[in-house]
Protein backbone atom coordinates (compact mmCIF):
# COMPACT_ATOMS: atom_id res chain seq x y z
CA MET A 1 -48.51 46.05 -57.28
CA GLU A 2 -45.12 47.70 -58.71
CA LEU A 3 -42.97 45.39 -56.05
CA ASP A 4 -45.17 41.94 -56.94
CA GLN A 5 -44.03 42.92 -61.15
CA LEU A 6 -40.28 43.40 -59.92
CA SER A 7 -40.48 40.38 -57.93
CA THR A 8 -41.90 38.22 -60.93
CA ASP A 9 -39.21 39.81 -63.15
CA ASP A 10 -36.52 39.67 -61.11
CA THR A 11 -37.02 35.52 -60.54
CA ALA A 12 -38.07 34.93 -63.99
CA PRO A 13 -34.37 35.10 -65.62
CA ALA A 14 -33.37 32.36 -62.71
CA ALA A 15 -36.00 30.38 -63.39
CA SER A 16 -35.47 30.32 -67.18
CA THR A 17 -32.14 29.27 -66.78
CA ARG A 18 -32.50 25.95 -65.04
CA ARG A 19 -32.14 23.13 -67.08
CA SER A 20 -32.58 19.22 -66.76
CA PRO A 21 -29.69 17.38 -66.99
CA ALA A 22 -28.31 16.19 -69.84
CA PRO A 23 -29.07 12.89 -71.00
CA THR A 24 -26.58 10.34 -70.98
CA GLY A 25 -24.44 9.40 -73.38
CA TRP A 26 -25.40 6.34 -75.67
CA ARG A 27 -21.62 5.09 -75.11
CA ARG A 28 -21.81 4.92 -71.36
CA VAL A 29 -25.75 3.69 -71.39
CA ILE A 30 -24.23 0.62 -73.52
CA GLY A 31 -20.93 0.16 -71.63
CA LEU A 32 -23.27 -0.03 -68.19
CA GLY A 33 -25.38 -2.43 -69.65
CA LEU A 34 -22.75 -4.87 -70.63
CA GLY A 35 -20.67 -4.22 -67.11
CA PHE A 36 -23.82 -5.29 -65.03
CA ALA A 37 -24.14 -8.07 -67.60
CA VAL A 38 -20.86 -9.34 -66.59
CA LEU A 39 -21.25 -8.51 -63.13
CA VAL A 40 -24.42 -11.07 -63.32
CA GLY A 41 -22.00 -13.56 -64.67
CA VAL A 42 -19.68 -13.00 -62.20
CA LEU A 43 -22.26 -13.78 -59.85
CA VAL A 44 -23.76 -16.49 -61.29
CA THR A 45 -20.18 -18.06 -61.44
CA ALA A 46 -19.67 -17.70 -57.95
CA PHE A 47 -22.45 -19.19 -56.79
CA ALA A 48 -22.53 -22.06 -59.22
CA TRP A 49 -19.26 -22.89 -59.85
CA PRO A 50 -18.40 -24.43 -56.45
CA PRO A 51 -21.90 -27.10 -56.29
CA ALA A 52 -21.13 -27.60 -59.44
CA GLU A 53 -17.39 -28.80 -59.25
CA SER A 54 -18.26 -30.31 -55.65
CA ALA A 55 -16.63 -33.40 -54.97
CA PRO A 56 -14.76 -35.19 -52.25
CA ARG A 57 -10.82 -34.46 -52.33
CA GLY A 58 -8.85 -35.70 -49.14
CA VAL A 59 -11.64 -36.18 -46.64
CA PRO A 60 -10.44 -37.28 -42.84
CA VAL A 61 -11.65 -40.55 -42.33
CA ALA A 62 -10.38 -43.00 -39.67
CA LEU A 63 -9.63 -46.36 -40.38
CA VAL A 64 -10.08 -49.06 -37.96
CA GLY A 65 -9.06 -52.97 -38.55
CA SER A 66 -5.91 -55.21 -38.87
CA ALA A 67 -2.74 -54.12 -41.41
CA ASP A 68 -3.97 -56.58 -44.05
CA ALA A 69 -7.91 -55.56 -43.95
CA ALA A 70 -6.97 -51.78 -43.84
CA ASP A 71 -4.97 -52.39 -46.79
CA ARG A 72 -7.56 -54.17 -49.20
CA VAL A 73 -10.14 -51.39 -47.99
CA GLU A 74 -7.69 -48.28 -48.66
CA ARG A 75 -6.69 -50.13 -52.21
CA GLN A 76 -10.55 -50.72 -52.96
CA LEU A 77 -11.65 -47.52 -52.34
CA GLY A 78 -8.36 -45.78 -53.67
CA ASP A 79 -9.43 -47.62 -56.91
CA ALA A 80 -13.13 -46.47 -56.58
CA MET A 81 -12.53 -42.98 -55.54
CA PRO A 82 -9.29 -41.63 -56.30
CA ASP A 83 -7.90 -39.07 -53.66
CA ALA A 84 -11.45 -38.40 -51.98
CA LEU A 85 -10.23 -39.88 -48.69
CA ASP A 86 -7.48 -39.31 -46.59
CA LEU A 87 -7.48 -42.54 -44.42
CA ARG A 88 -5.99 -42.22 -41.08
CA ALA A 89 -5.13 -45.47 -38.67
CA ALA A 90 -7.02 -46.00 -35.44
CA ALA A 91 -6.19 -48.46 -33.31
CA ASP A 92 -9.73 -49.40 -32.33
CA ALA A 93 -13.76 -48.19 -32.41
CA ASP A 94 -13.24 -46.25 -29.42
CA GLU A 95 -10.30 -44.39 -30.79
CA ALA A 96 -12.24 -43.73 -34.22
CA ARG A 97 -15.39 -42.62 -32.07
CA ARG A 98 -12.78 -39.88 -30.19
CA LEU A 99 -11.27 -38.62 -33.28
CA ILE A 100 -14.65 -38.13 -34.70
CA GLU A 101 -15.96 -36.31 -31.70
CA ASP A 102 -13.09 -33.95 -31.56
CA ARG A 103 -13.64 -33.15 -35.03
CA GLU A 104 -10.60 -34.38 -36.24
CA VAL A 105 -12.46 -37.06 -39.05
CA TYR A 106 -15.64 -36.99 -40.39
CA GLY A 107 -16.29 -40.19 -39.95
CA ALA A 108 -14.48 -43.64 -39.39
CA ILE A 109 -14.70 -47.11 -41.19
CA VAL A 110 -14.50 -50.04 -38.99
CA VAL A 111 -13.33 -53.47 -40.64
CA GLU A 112 -14.28 -56.39 -38.29
CA PRO A 113 -12.13 -59.50 -37.89
CA THR A 114 -14.98 -61.33 -39.90
CA GLY A 115 -13.86 -59.08 -42.93
CA GLU A 116 -17.38 -56.88 -42.94
CA ARG A 117 -17.46 -53.34 -43.02
CA ARG A 118 -19.20 -50.80 -40.61
CA VAL A 119 -19.09 -46.79 -40.94
CA LEU A 120 -19.26 -44.39 -38.06
CA THR A 121 -20.36 -40.74 -39.16
CA ALA A 122 -21.26 -37.24 -37.66
CA SER A 123 -23.95 -35.61 -39.60
CA GLY A 124 -23.73 -32.51 -37.55
CA GLY A 125 -20.13 -32.35 -39.01
CA SER A 126 -21.53 -32.58 -42.50
CA PRO A 127 -24.65 -34.06 -43.71
CA VAL A 128 -23.23 -34.25 -47.54
CA VAL A 129 -20.23 -36.35 -46.18
CA ALA A 130 -22.23 -38.33 -43.47
CA GLN A 131 -24.35 -39.82 -46.84
CA LEU A 132 -21.12 -40.16 -48.63
CA LEU A 133 -19.89 -42.44 -45.85
CA ALA A 134 -22.65 -44.43 -45.09
CA GLY A 135 -22.66 -45.59 -48.60
CA LEU A 136 -19.38 -47.63 -48.14
CA ALA A 137 -21.35 -49.66 -45.19
CA ASP A 138 -21.49 -53.24 -45.78
CA PRO A 139 -24.78 -54.32 -46.05
CA ALA A 140 -24.11 -57.54 -44.85
CA VAL A 141 -23.67 -56.44 -41.56
CA ALA A 142 -26.20 -58.05 -38.91
CA ALA A 143 -25.45 -55.12 -36.55
CA PRO A 144 -26.66 -51.57 -37.74
CA ALA A 145 -24.28 -51.41 -40.55
CA VAL A 146 -23.82 -47.39 -40.19
CA GLU A 147 -23.98 -45.37 -36.70
CA ASP A 148 -24.44 -41.58 -36.55
CA LEU A 149 -22.16 -40.40 -33.44
CA VAL A 150 -23.19 -36.96 -33.86
CA PRO A 151 -26.66 -36.62 -35.56
CA LEU A 152 -28.17 -33.47 -36.49
CA PRO A 153 -31.60 -32.19 -34.44
CA GLY A 154 -34.75 -33.71 -35.10
CA ASP A 155 -36.21 -30.73 -35.97
CA ASP A 156 -33.24 -29.80 -38.72
CA PRO A 157 -32.48 -33.93 -39.69
CA ARG A 158 -31.15 -32.23 -43.26
CA GLY A 159 -29.34 -29.14 -41.48
CA ALA A 160 -31.48 -26.79 -43.67
CA ALA A 161 -32.17 -24.55 -41.41
CA PHE A 162 -28.69 -24.22 -40.28
CA THR A 163 -27.44 -23.68 -43.92
CA ALA A 164 -29.95 -21.31 -44.79
CA ALA A 165 -29.14 -19.24 -41.59
CA ALA A 166 -25.83 -18.68 -42.63
CA LEU A 167 -26.13 -16.21 -45.65
CA PRO A 168 -28.53 -13.71 -43.26
CA MET A 169 -25.77 -13.78 -40.77
CA VAL A 170 -23.44 -12.67 -43.90
CA LEU A 171 -25.54 -10.31 -45.00
CA GLY A 172 -26.37 -8.88 -41.39
CA GLY A 173 -22.94 -8.22 -40.69
CA MET A 174 -22.69 -6.08 -43.69
CA VAL A 175 -25.61 -4.38 -43.03
CA VAL A 176 -24.47 -3.46 -39.36
CA GLY A 177 -20.89 -1.94 -40.31
CA ILE A 178 -22.62 -0.08 -43.36
CA LEU A 179 -25.27 1.65 -41.59
CA MET A 180 -23.11 2.54 -38.46
CA SER A 181 -20.79 3.87 -41.09
CA PHE A 182 -23.19 6.54 -42.54
CA LEU A 183 -25.50 6.90 -39.75
CA VAL A 184 -23.39 7.36 -36.39
CA THR A 185 -20.95 10.15 -35.86
CA GLY A 186 -17.49 9.46 -34.49
CA VAL A 187 -15.29 6.10 -35.07
CA TRP A 188 -15.40 4.97 -31.67
CA ARG A 189 -19.01 5.45 -31.35
CA ARG A 190 -19.70 3.37 -34.71
CA VAL A 191 -17.39 0.49 -33.11
CA THR A 192 -19.14 0.24 -30.33
CA GLY A 193 -22.93 0.44 -32.13
CA ALA A 194 -21.35 -2.81 -34.39
CA LEU A 195 -20.27 -4.52 -30.76
CA VAL A 196 -23.60 -3.69 -29.25
CA ALA A 197 -25.30 -4.78 -32.58
CA ALA A 198 -23.03 -8.01 -32.41
CA VAL A 199 -24.25 -9.07 -29.14
CA ALA A 200 -27.52 -8.49 -29.28
CA ALA A 201 -27.47 -10.60 -32.39
CA GLY A 202 -26.49 -13.52 -31.12
CA GLY A 203 -28.68 -13.50 -28.58
CA VAL A 204 -31.73 -13.09 -31.30
CA VAL A 205 -30.31 -15.38 -33.64
CA THR A 206 -29.94 -17.94 -31.23
CA LEU A 207 -33.50 -17.34 -29.76
CA VAL A 208 -34.97 -17.87 -33.15
CA ALA A 209 -32.41 -21.03 -34.24
CA GLN A 210 -32.41 -22.53 -31.30
CA ALA A 211 -35.15 -22.29 -29.04
CA TRP A 212 -37.82 -21.66 -31.96
CA LEU A 213 -36.24 -23.67 -34.52
CA GLY A 214 -34.38 -26.30 -32.72
CA ALA A 215 -31.48 -26.27 -35.76
CA LEU A 216 -29.01 -25.58 -32.90
CA GLN A 217 -28.12 -27.73 -30.22
CA GLY A 218 -25.48 -27.38 -27.22
CA SER A 219 -24.90 -24.72 -25.03
CA ALA A 220 -26.84 -21.65 -25.92
CA TRP A 221 -24.46 -19.47 -24.59
CA ALA A 222 -21.85 -20.71 -26.76
CA ASN A 223 -24.05 -20.54 -29.62
CA ALA A 224 -24.71 -17.13 -29.26
CA ALA A 225 -21.14 -16.09 -28.40
CA ALA A 226 -20.41 -17.52 -31.34
CA VAL A 227 -23.01 -15.90 -33.79
CA ALA A 228 -21.72 -12.41 -31.83
CA LEU A 229 -17.96 -13.27 -32.98
CA ILE A 230 -19.08 -13.65 -36.48
CA VAL A 231 -21.44 -10.55 -37.02
CA ALA A 232 -18.46 -8.64 -34.98
CA ALA A 233 -15.78 -9.62 -37.43
CA ILE A 234 -17.76 -8.65 -40.53
CA SER A 235 -19.51 -5.42 -39.40
CA LEU A 236 -16.00 -4.18 -38.01
CA THR A 237 -14.22 -5.24 -41.14
CA ILE A 238 -16.84 -3.53 -43.45
CA THR A 239 -16.53 -0.52 -40.77
CA GLY A 240 -12.82 -0.46 -41.20
CA LEU A 241 -12.71 -0.26 -45.13
CA VAL A 242 -15.39 2.41 -45.30
CA ALA A 243 -13.31 4.54 -43.11
CA LEU A 244 -10.52 3.98 -44.84
CA LEU A 245 -12.00 3.94 -48.48
CA GLY A 246 -14.73 5.60 -48.16
CA PRO A 247 -18.08 4.11 -50.17
CA ALA A 248 -15.72 2.11 -51.95
CA GLY A 249 -15.18 0.01 -48.95
CA ILE A 250 -18.94 -1.03 -49.24
CA GLY A 251 -18.07 -2.39 -52.70
CA LEU A 252 -14.80 -4.34 -51.66
CA GLY A 253 -16.30 -5.75 -48.31
CA ALA A 254 -18.95 -7.11 -50.37
CA VAL A 255 -16.92 -8.66 -52.80
CA VAL A 256 -14.70 -10.47 -49.85
CA MET A 257 -17.70 -11.01 -47.64
CA PHE A 258 -20.50 -11.92 -49.89
CA LEU A 259 -19.35 -12.72 -53.10
CA ILE A 260 -16.20 -14.76 -52.29
CA GLY A 261 -16.60 -15.63 -49.12
CA ASN A 262 -20.02 -16.74 -48.68
CA SER A 263 -19.80 -19.04 -51.98
CA ILE A 264 -17.04 -20.89 -50.95
CA SER A 265 -17.50 -21.26 -47.22
CA GLY A 266 -18.74 -24.76 -47.32
CA VAL A 267 -21.40 -24.35 -45.13
CA SER A 268 -23.83 -26.38 -46.92
CA SER A 269 -20.96 -29.31 -47.82
CA ALA A 270 -17.69 -29.25 -46.72
CA PRO A 271 -14.73 -27.23 -47.41
CA GLU A 272 -13.09 -30.78 -48.51
CA LEU A 273 -15.34 -31.22 -51.26
CA LEU A 274 -15.05 -27.64 -52.86
CA PRO A 275 -12.36 -27.19 -55.60
CA THR A 276 -8.68 -27.70 -54.76
CA GLY A 277 -7.23 -24.88 -52.40
CA TRP A 278 -10.91 -23.12 -52.47
CA GLY A 279 -11.99 -24.59 -49.04
CA ALA A 280 -9.01 -23.60 -47.17
CA LEU A 281 -9.40 -19.76 -48.60
CA GLY A 282 -12.94 -20.27 -47.43
CA GLN A 283 -11.89 -21.55 -43.87
CA ALA A 284 -9.80 -18.10 -43.64
CA LEU A 285 -12.67 -15.91 -44.39
CA PRO A 286 -15.59 -14.91 -41.67
CA ALA A 287 -18.36 -17.18 -43.62
CA GLY A 288 -16.22 -20.09 -43.81
CA ALA A 289 -15.00 -19.75 -40.75
CA GLY A 290 -18.16 -18.90 -38.93
CA GLY A 291 -19.96 -21.92 -40.13
CA THR A 292 -17.42 -24.23 -38.69
CA LEU A 293 -17.22 -22.58 -35.12
CA LEU A 294 -21.17 -22.85 -34.89
CA ARG A 295 -21.12 -26.19 -35.79
CA SER A 296 -18.51 -27.12 -33.47
CA THR A 297 -20.63 -25.28 -30.45
CA SER A 298 -23.58 -26.44 -31.55
CA TYR A 299 -23.22 -30.33 -32.33
CA PHE A 300 -19.41 -30.91 -30.83
CA ASP A 301 -19.50 -29.35 -27.41
CA GLY A 302 -16.61 -26.75 -28.84
CA ALA A 303 -14.21 -29.24 -30.44
CA ALA A 304 -12.09 -27.62 -32.83
CA ALA A 305 -13.44 -24.22 -32.05
CA GLY A 306 -9.97 -22.53 -31.91
CA GLY A 307 -8.94 -22.27 -35.01
CA PRO A 308 -11.94 -20.49 -36.39
CA VAL A 309 -12.14 -18.51 -33.39
CA LEU A 310 -8.57 -17.30 -34.08
CA VAL A 311 -9.81 -16.10 -37.50
CA LEU A 312 -12.48 -14.43 -36.47
CA VAL A 313 -10.99 -12.27 -33.87
CA ALA A 314 -8.12 -11.61 -36.25
CA TRP A 315 -10.82 -9.92 -38.86
CA ALA A 316 -12.18 -8.31 -36.15
CA VAL A 317 -9.01 -6.71 -34.45
CA ALA A 318 -8.16 -5.86 -38.88
CA GLY A 319 -11.46 -3.74 -39.08
CA LEU A 320 -10.54 -2.11 -35.85
CA ALA A 321 -6.53 -1.36 -37.14
CA LEU A 322 -8.94 -0.12 -40.60
CA VAL A 323 -10.92 2.06 -38.42
CA ALA A 324 -8.03 3.79 -36.98
CA LEU A 325 -6.13 4.28 -40.05
CA GLY A 326 -8.70 5.73 -41.80
CA ARG A 327 -9.12 7.99 -39.16
CA ARG A 328 -5.46 9.01 -39.76
CA VAL A 329 -5.47 9.14 -43.44
CA ARG A 330 -8.83 10.53 -44.24
CA PRO A 331 -10.00 12.57 -41.43
CA ALA A 332 -11.95 15.10 -43.04
CA ALA A 333 -14.00 12.37 -44.64
CA HIS A 334 -14.27 10.16 -42.08
CA HIS A 335 -16.13 12.73 -39.81
CA ALA A 336 -18.22 13.59 -42.60
CA LEU A 337 -19.44 10.20 -43.48
CA ALA A 338 -22.32 10.20 -41.25
CA GLY A 339 -23.69 14.03 -42.20
């Protein structure tokens, strides 16, 4: 009995000293509320501003016809749609077709000797641009006024599934990088895990988007490789940022990959339809480069895939460099991340 009493007496003071955390100061609460409101405003701006300002700006289009006919069409389009199209002369319709299939132009305007116009499009490159160009055809042409050389698949005629798959790939790459950083111990084990996840994601996404939904076409191997490269570029960059900056790297990665990169990727329209300069920036980020690469492998037999591949490889290599740098700069924190 005495021992029980002694034990109770010994623990009572300790229990009595425990206090619940002090309430957060009102100034901090109000500050956080206002700060989060600003964050919501930034998110809305990032995702609403590019579509609101969407308009054709220097969209490359081939123009076939005699010098006089081409000049007349160019003047008409310049008056009706100033600076909307970047018209490039093509010797004939066959050359225009080649330019479209090589992804050098989005479409072509063919002026017949009679003065009638017909249009060649590629909805696989951008359904929005294809629709825009279709409106330039001459309805008086006896033959089909609009010919879609690179159509979207019948299972996804508007490209909705393709566009919808872009955001999950970006988020998936971010999640892989974050989880590998916090659940796996060992720098090269994290990198290996991210690469394994990227390769596996390539296969899974291709099975879903191509074999099941029919949103992708072309070589399944090429499409799987494109998806794997997208996920690898994003996940390795996030892994590197976390290795160098710690948890703050997650926030920076989210801003670059999601808030900025996804909103100006041009996947749902085309880079040339975004506000001046933003389309080019979007193509230098993984989301934009990835969308362009997947369109090339799926609909254009890999045409013009070199540029996006270089962008994605550069991001992946940069991620590896950040991992190595973080290991040297923050060795103790680096090994403690998964703990």
